[in-house]
């Protein structure tokens, strides 16, 4: 018996990086929504028809940064797990219940991190 695929919202302003992350997650059989910034991500989160198991966001986004987005996302969905991606992972304080992965990351690192977060929730 297979479990339904988890759904991940990927927020990344760099089109190529976002496309690569989405491709990897889809190959791992996740369902993926994608957004190029905080405003677009919030629109997806506001639609209660969209089931989302995890939001993965870049920390550095134009306009609203990833941490501001995470706060607003949690106002809409208080239990939503959040994974930050950053090239400066060691310099970021991650709030409780949120996670971080350092860029660049391998496919295996991304898969393992996402699965561990989803299993914890």
N, C-alpha and C. Protein backbone atom coordinates (compact mmCIF):
# COMPACT_ATOMS: atom_id res chain seq x y z
N UNK A 1 0.85 -1.19 0.00
CA UNK A 1 0.00 0.00 0.00
C UNK A 1 0.89 1.24 0.00
N UNK A 2 0.75 2.09 -0.98
CA UNK A 2 1.59 3.28 -1.01
C UNK A 2 0.86 4.45 -0.37
N UNK A 3 1.65 5.33 0.21
CA UNK A 3 1.07 6.51 0.84
C UNK A 3 0.97 7.60 -0.21
N UNK A 4 0.00 8.51 -0.05
CA UNK A 4 -0.11 9.59 -1.04
C UNK A 4 1.15 10.46 -0.98
N UNK A 5 1.50 11.02 -2.12
CA UNK A 5 2.69 11.86 -2.18
C UNK A 5 2.50 13.10 -1.32
N UNK A 6 3.56 13.48 -0.63
CA UNK A 6 3.52 14.73 0.12
C UNK A 6 3.64 15.89 -0.86
N UNK A 7 3.08 17.02 -0.47
CA UNK A 7 3.09 18.20 -1.32
C UNK A 7 3.99 19.26 -0.70
N UNK A 8 4.90 19.79 -1.52
CA UNK A 8 5.88 20.77 -1.06
C UNK A 8 5.72 22.05 -1.87
N UNK A 9 5.72 23.17 -1.16
CA UNK A 9 5.72 24.49 -1.79
C UNK A 9 7.16 24.97 -1.82
N UNK A 10 7.70 25.19 -3.01
CA UNK A 10 9.08 25.65 -3.18
C UNK A 10 9.05 27.14 -3.53
N UNK A 11 9.72 27.95 -2.70
CA UNK A 11 9.78 29.40 -2.92
C UNK A 11 11.23 29.77 -3.18
N UNK A 12 11.50 30.20 -4.40
CA UNK A 12 12.86 30.52 -4.83
C UNK A 12 12.77 31.53 -5.96
N UNK A 13 13.49 32.66 -5.82
CA UNK A 13 13.39 33.71 -6.84
C UNK A 13 14.27 33.44 -8.05
N UNK A 14 15.28 32.58 -7.92
CA UNK A 14 16.13 32.24 -9.06
C UNK A 14 15.44 31.14 -9.87
N UNK A 15 15.03 31.47 -11.10
CA UNK A 15 14.25 30.53 -11.91
C UNK A 15 14.96 29.20 -12.12
N UNK A 16 16.27 29.24 -12.38
CA UNK A 16 17.01 28.01 -12.66
C UNK A 16 17.11 27.15 -11.41
N UNK A 17 17.43 27.78 -10.28
CA UNK A 17 17.53 27.03 -9.03
C UNK A 17 16.18 26.43 -8.66
N UNK A 18 15.11 27.23 -8.81
CA UNK A 18 13.76 26.74 -8.50
C UNK A 18 13.41 25.55 -9.39
N UNK A 19 13.71 25.67 -10.69
CA UNK A 19 13.41 24.59 -11.62
C UNK A 19 14.16 23.31 -11.23
N UNK A 20 15.42 23.44 -10.84
CA UNK A 20 16.21 22.26 -10.45
C UNK A 20 15.63 21.60 -9.20
N UNK A 21 15.28 22.41 -8.19
CA UNK A 21 14.71 21.87 -6.95
C UNK A 21 13.39 21.17 -7.25
N UNK A 22 12.54 21.82 -8.04
CA UNK A 22 11.24 21.24 -8.39
C UNK A 22 11.44 19.92 -9.14
N UNK A 23 12.37 19.89 -10.10
CA UNK A 23 12.63 18.66 -10.85
C UNK A 23 13.06 17.52 -9.94
N UNK A 24 13.97 17.83 -9.00
CA UNK A 24 14.45 16.81 -8.08
C UNK A 24 13.31 16.29 -7.20
N UNK A 25 12.52 17.21 -6.65
CA UNK A 25 11.42 16.79 -5.77
C UNK A 25 10.38 15.98 -6.54
N UNK A 26 10.10 16.37 -7.77
CA UNK A 26 9.13 15.61 -8.57
C UNK A 26 9.68 14.22 -8.91
N UNK A 27 10.98 14.12 -9.17
CA UNK A 27 11.60 12.81 -9.41
C UNK A 27 11.49 11.93 -8.18
N UNK A 28 11.52 12.56 -7.00
CA UNK A 28 11.37 11.82 -5.74
C UNK A 28 9.90 11.56 -5.42
N UNK A 29 9.03 11.88 -6.39
CA UNK A 29 7.59 11.62 -6.32
C UNK A 29 6.83 12.48 -5.32
N UNK A 30 7.33 13.69 -5.11
CA UNK A 30 6.57 14.67 -4.33
C UNK A 30 5.73 15.48 -5.31
N UNK A 31 4.60 15.98 -4.83
CA UNK A 31 3.81 16.94 -5.59
C UNK A 31 4.37 18.31 -5.23
N UNK A 32 4.52 19.19 -6.20
CA UNK A 32 5.21 20.47 -5.94
C UNK A 32 4.39 21.65 -6.46
N UNK A 33 4.25 22.65 -5.58
CA UNK A 33 3.80 23.98 -5.99
C UNK A 33 5.05 24.82 -6.03
N UNK A 34 5.11 25.80 -6.93
CA UNK A 34 6.28 26.67 -6.95
C UNK A 34 5.87 28.14 -6.95
N UNK A 35 6.72 28.94 -6.29
CA UNK A 35 6.48 30.38 -6.22
C UNK A 35 7.83 31.08 -6.38
N UNK A 36 7.80 32.26 -7.04
CA UNK A 36 9.05 32.98 -7.24
C UNK A 36 9.31 34.04 -6.17
N UNK A 37 8.44 34.09 -5.17
CA UNK A 37 8.64 35.04 -4.08
C UNK A 37 7.54 34.91 -3.05
N UNK A 38 7.66 35.73 -2.02
CA UNK A 38 6.75 35.66 -0.89
C UNK A 38 5.30 35.91 -1.22
N UNK A 39 5.04 36.91 -2.06
CA UNK A 39 3.65 37.24 -2.38
C UNK A 39 2.95 36.09 -3.08
N UNK A 40 3.63 35.51 -4.06
CA UNK A 40 3.06 34.38 -4.79
C UNK A 40 2.87 33.18 -3.85
N UNK A 41 3.83 32.96 -2.97
CA UNK A 41 3.73 31.84 -2.01
C UNK A 41 2.52 32.03 -1.09
N UNK A 42 2.31 33.24 -0.62
CA UNK A 42 1.18 33.50 0.28
C UNK A 42 -0.15 33.26 -0.43
N UNK A 43 -0.24 33.61 -1.72
CA UNK A 43 -1.47 33.34 -2.47
C UNK A 43 -1.76 31.84 -2.51
N UNK A 44 -0.72 31.05 -2.71
CA UNK A 44 -0.88 29.59 -2.74
C UNK A 44 -1.32 29.10 -1.36
N UNK A 45 -0.70 29.63 -0.30
CA UNK A 45 -1.03 29.21 1.07
C UNK A 45 -2.43 29.65 1.48
N UNK A 46 -2.89 30.79 0.98
CA UNK A 46 -4.22 31.30 1.34
C UNK A 46 -5.34 30.45 0.75
N UNK A 47 -5.04 29.73 -0.32
CA UNK A 47 -6.05 28.88 -0.95
C UNK A 47 -6.15 27.58 -0.16
N UNK A 48 -7.21 27.45 0.61
CA UNK A 48 -7.35 26.29 1.49
C UNK A 48 -7.56 24.99 0.72
N UNK A 49 -7.79 25.08 -0.58
CA UNK A 49 -7.89 23.86 -1.40
C UNK A 49 -6.51 23.23 -1.62
N UNK A 50 -5.45 24.03 -1.43
CA UNK A 50 -4.10 23.54 -1.65
C UNK A 50 -3.59 22.85 -0.39
N UNK A 51 -3.44 21.53 -0.46
CA UNK A 51 -2.87 20.78 0.66
C UNK A 51 -1.35 20.90 0.55
N UNK A 52 -0.70 21.39 1.60
CA UNK A 52 0.76 21.55 1.59
C UNK A 52 1.33 20.94 2.86
N UNK A 53 2.31 20.05 2.68
CA UNK A 53 2.93 19.36 3.82
C UNK A 53 4.21 20.04 4.29
N UNK A 54 4.83 20.83 3.41
CA UNK A 54 6.11 21.46 3.73
C UNK A 54 6.31 22.66 2.82
N UNK A 55 6.84 23.76 3.39
CA UNK A 55 7.25 24.89 2.56
C UNK A 55 8.77 24.98 2.62
N UNK A 56 9.39 24.96 1.45
CA UNK A 56 10.83 25.15 1.34
C UNK A 56 11.06 26.51 0.72
N UNK A 57 11.78 27.37 1.44
CA UNK A 57 11.98 28.73 0.93
C UNK A 57 13.44 29.16 1.03
N UNK A 58 13.85 29.90 0.03
CA UNK A 58 15.16 30.55 0.09
C UNK A 58 15.07 31.61 1.19
N UNK A 59 16.18 31.86 1.87
CA UNK A 59 16.18 32.89 2.91
C UNK A 59 16.21 34.27 2.25
N UNK A 60 17.04 34.41 1.24
CA UNK A 60 17.20 35.70 0.55
C UNK A 60 16.22 35.77 -0.61
N UNK A 61 15.16 36.51 -0.41
CA UNK A 61 14.18 36.74 -1.48
C UNK A 61 14.02 38.25 -1.65
N UNK A 62 13.73 38.72 -2.87
CA UNK A 62 13.49 40.16 -3.03
C UNK A 62 12.19 40.55 -2.33
N UNK A 63 12.16 41.73 -1.78
CA UNK A 63 10.96 42.17 -1.06
C UNK A 63 10.91 41.49 0.29
N UNK A 64 9.96 40.61 0.47
CA UNK A 64 9.78 39.87 1.71
C UNK A 64 10.81 38.73 1.76
N UNK A 65 11.68 38.70 2.79
CA UNK A 65 12.65 37.60 2.85
C UNK A 65 12.00 36.32 3.37
N UNK A 66 12.74 35.25 3.31
CA UNK A 66 12.21 33.95 3.67
C UNK A 66 11.72 33.87 5.11
N UNK A 67 12.40 34.56 6.03
CA UNK A 67 11.98 34.51 7.42
C UNK A 67 10.66 35.27 7.63
N UNK A 68 10.50 36.40 6.97
CA UNK A 68 9.22 37.12 7.04
C UNK A 68 8.11 36.26 6.44
N UNK A 69 8.41 35.61 5.32
CA UNK A 69 7.44 34.73 4.68
C UNK A 69 7.05 33.60 5.63
N UNK A 70 8.02 33.03 6.33
CA UNK A 70 7.73 31.94 7.26
C UNK A 70 6.77 32.38 8.36
N UNK A 71 6.97 33.59 8.88
CA UNK A 71 6.08 34.11 9.93
C UNK A 71 4.66 34.24 9.39
N UNK A 72 4.53 34.81 8.19
CA UNK A 72 3.20 34.99 7.59
C UNK A 72 2.58 33.64 7.24
N UNK A 73 3.40 32.70 6.77
CA UNK A 73 2.91 31.36 6.43
C UNK A 73 2.35 30.68 7.68
N UNK A 74 3.04 30.84 8.80
CA UNK A 74 2.60 30.21 10.04
C UNK A 74 1.32 30.88 10.59
N UNK A 75 1.10 32.14 10.24
CA UNK A 75 -0.16 32.78 10.63
C UNK A 75 -1.33 32.11 9.89
N UNK A 76 -1.07 31.74 8.63
CA UNK A 76 -2.11 31.09 7.81
C UNK A 76 -2.23 29.60 8.14
N UNK A 77 -1.10 28.97 8.38
CA UNK A 77 -1.04 27.52 8.63
C UNK A 77 -0.08 27.27 9.79
N UNK A 78 -0.59 27.33 11.02
CA UNK A 78 0.27 27.30 12.22
C UNK A 78 1.16 26.07 12.37
N UNK A 79 0.80 24.95 11.77
CA UNK A 79 1.61 23.74 11.95
C UNK A 79 2.48 23.42 10.74
N UNK A 80 2.51 24.30 9.75
CA UNK A 80 3.26 24.03 8.52
C UNK A 80 4.76 23.93 8.80
N UNK A 81 5.37 22.78 8.47
CA UNK A 81 6.83 22.69 8.59
C UNK A 81 7.48 23.58 7.53
N UNK A 82 8.59 24.22 7.92
CA UNK A 82 9.27 25.14 7.00
C UNK A 82 10.74 24.77 6.94
N UNK A 83 11.25 24.69 5.71
CA UNK A 83 12.66 24.40 5.46
C UNK A 83 13.26 25.60 4.74
N UNK A 84 14.25 26.22 5.38
CA UNK A 84 14.98 27.33 4.75
C UNK A 84 16.16 26.76 3.98
N UNK A 85 16.44 27.33 2.82
CA UNK A 85 17.64 27.01 2.05
C UNK A 85 18.49 28.26 2.00
N UNK A 86 19.78 28.11 2.34
CA UNK A 86 20.64 29.29 2.35
C UNK A 86 22.09 28.91 2.11
N UNK A 87 22.78 29.79 1.41
CA UNK A 87 24.22 29.64 1.24
C UNK A 87 24.96 30.05 2.50
N UNK A 88 24.24 30.61 3.46
CA UNK A 88 24.84 31.08 4.71
C UNK A 88 24.16 30.41 5.90
N UNK A 89 23.94 29.11 5.79
CA UNK A 89 23.15 28.37 6.77
C UNK A 89 23.68 28.52 8.19
N UNK A 90 25.01 28.57 8.33
CA UNK A 90 25.58 28.62 9.68
C UNK A 90 25.33 29.96 10.37
N UNK A 91 24.93 30.98 9.63
CA UNK A 91 24.70 32.31 10.21
C UNK A 91 23.23 32.61 10.49
N UNK A 92 22.37 31.62 10.35
CA UNK A 92 20.94 31.88 10.46
C UNK A 92 20.36 31.21 11.69
N UNK A 93 19.62 31.99 12.47
CA UNK A 93 18.90 31.43 13.60
C UNK A 93 17.54 30.98 13.10
N UNK A 94 17.29 29.69 13.25
CA UNK A 94 16.05 29.12 12.75
C UNK A 94 15.07 28.97 13.91
N UNK A 95 13.88 29.55 13.80
CA UNK A 95 12.88 29.43 14.86
C UNK A 95 12.49 27.97 15.12
N UNK A 96 11.96 27.72 16.28
CA UNK A 96 11.53 26.36 16.64
C UNK A 96 10.56 25.82 15.61
N UNK A 97 10.69 24.56 15.31
CA UNK A 97 9.79 23.92 14.35
C UNK A 97 10.13 24.21 12.91
N UNK A 98 11.25 24.89 12.69
CA UNK A 98 11.68 25.18 11.33
C UNK A 98 13.07 24.57 11.14
N UNK A 99 13.44 24.37 9.90
CA UNK A 99 14.66 23.64 9.58
C UNK A 99 15.47 24.41 8.54
N UNK A 100 16.74 24.01 8.37
CA UNK A 100 17.58 24.68 7.37
C UNK A 100 18.44 23.68 6.64
N UNK A 101 18.67 23.94 5.37
CA UNK A 101 19.61 23.17 4.57
C UNK A 101 20.54 24.16 3.88
N UNK A 102 21.83 23.87 3.92
CA UNK A 102 22.81 24.78 3.32
C UNK A 102 22.93 24.57 1.83
N UNK A 103 23.05 25.68 1.10
CA UNK A 103 23.29 25.63 -0.34
C UNK A 103 24.80 25.69 -0.55
N UNK A 104 25.35 25.02 -1.52
CA UNK A 104 24.65 24.07 -2.39
C UNK A 104 24.42 22.75 -1.65
N UNK A 105 23.36 22.05 -2.04
CA UNK A 105 23.08 20.75 -1.44
C UNK A 105 22.95 19.72 -2.55
N UNK A 106 23.23 18.48 -2.20
CA UNK A 106 23.10 17.40 -3.18
C UNK A 106 21.65 16.91 -3.22
N UNK A 107 21.34 16.15 -4.24
CA UNK A 107 20.01 15.54 -4.35
C UNK A 107 19.75 14.68 -3.11
N UNK A 108 20.76 13.91 -2.71
CA UNK A 108 20.60 13.03 -1.55
C UNK A 108 20.36 13.83 -0.27
N UNK A 109 21.10 14.93 -0.10
CA UNK A 109 20.90 15.76 1.10
C UNK A 109 19.48 16.34 1.12
N UNK A 110 19.01 16.81 -0.03
CA UNK A 110 17.66 17.37 -0.11
C UNK A 110 16.63 16.30 0.21
N UNK A 111 16.76 15.13 -0.43
CA UNK A 111 15.83 14.03 -0.20
C UNK A 111 15.79 13.66 1.29
N UNK A 112 16.97 13.48 1.89
CA UNK A 112 17.03 13.05 3.29
C UNK A 112 16.46 14.09 4.23
N UNK A 113 16.73 15.36 3.97
CA UNK A 113 16.25 16.44 4.82
C UNK A 113 14.71 16.53 4.73
N UNK A 114 14.19 16.52 3.52
CA UNK A 114 12.74 16.62 3.32
C UNK A 114 12.04 15.43 3.97
N UNK A 115 12.54 14.23 3.73
CA UNK A 115 11.91 13.04 4.32
C UNK A 115 11.95 13.09 5.84
N UNK A 116 13.07 13.52 6.42
CA UNK A 116 13.16 13.56 7.88
C UNK A 116 12.18 14.57 8.47
N UNK A 117 12.01 15.70 7.81
CA UNK A 117 11.03 16.72 8.28
C UNK A 117 9.62 16.16 8.18
N UNK A 118 9.29 15.53 7.06
CA UNK A 118 7.94 15.01 6.86
C UNK A 118 7.63 13.87 7.83
N UNK A 119 8.63 13.08 8.15
CA UNK A 119 8.42 11.96 9.10
C UNK A 119 8.22 12.47 10.52
N UNK A 120 8.85 13.62 10.84
CA UNK A 120 8.71 14.19 12.19
C UNK A 120 7.35 14.80 12.43
N UNK A 121 6.63 15.10 11.35
CA UNK A 121 5.35 15.82 11.50
C UNK A 121 4.15 14.92 11.35
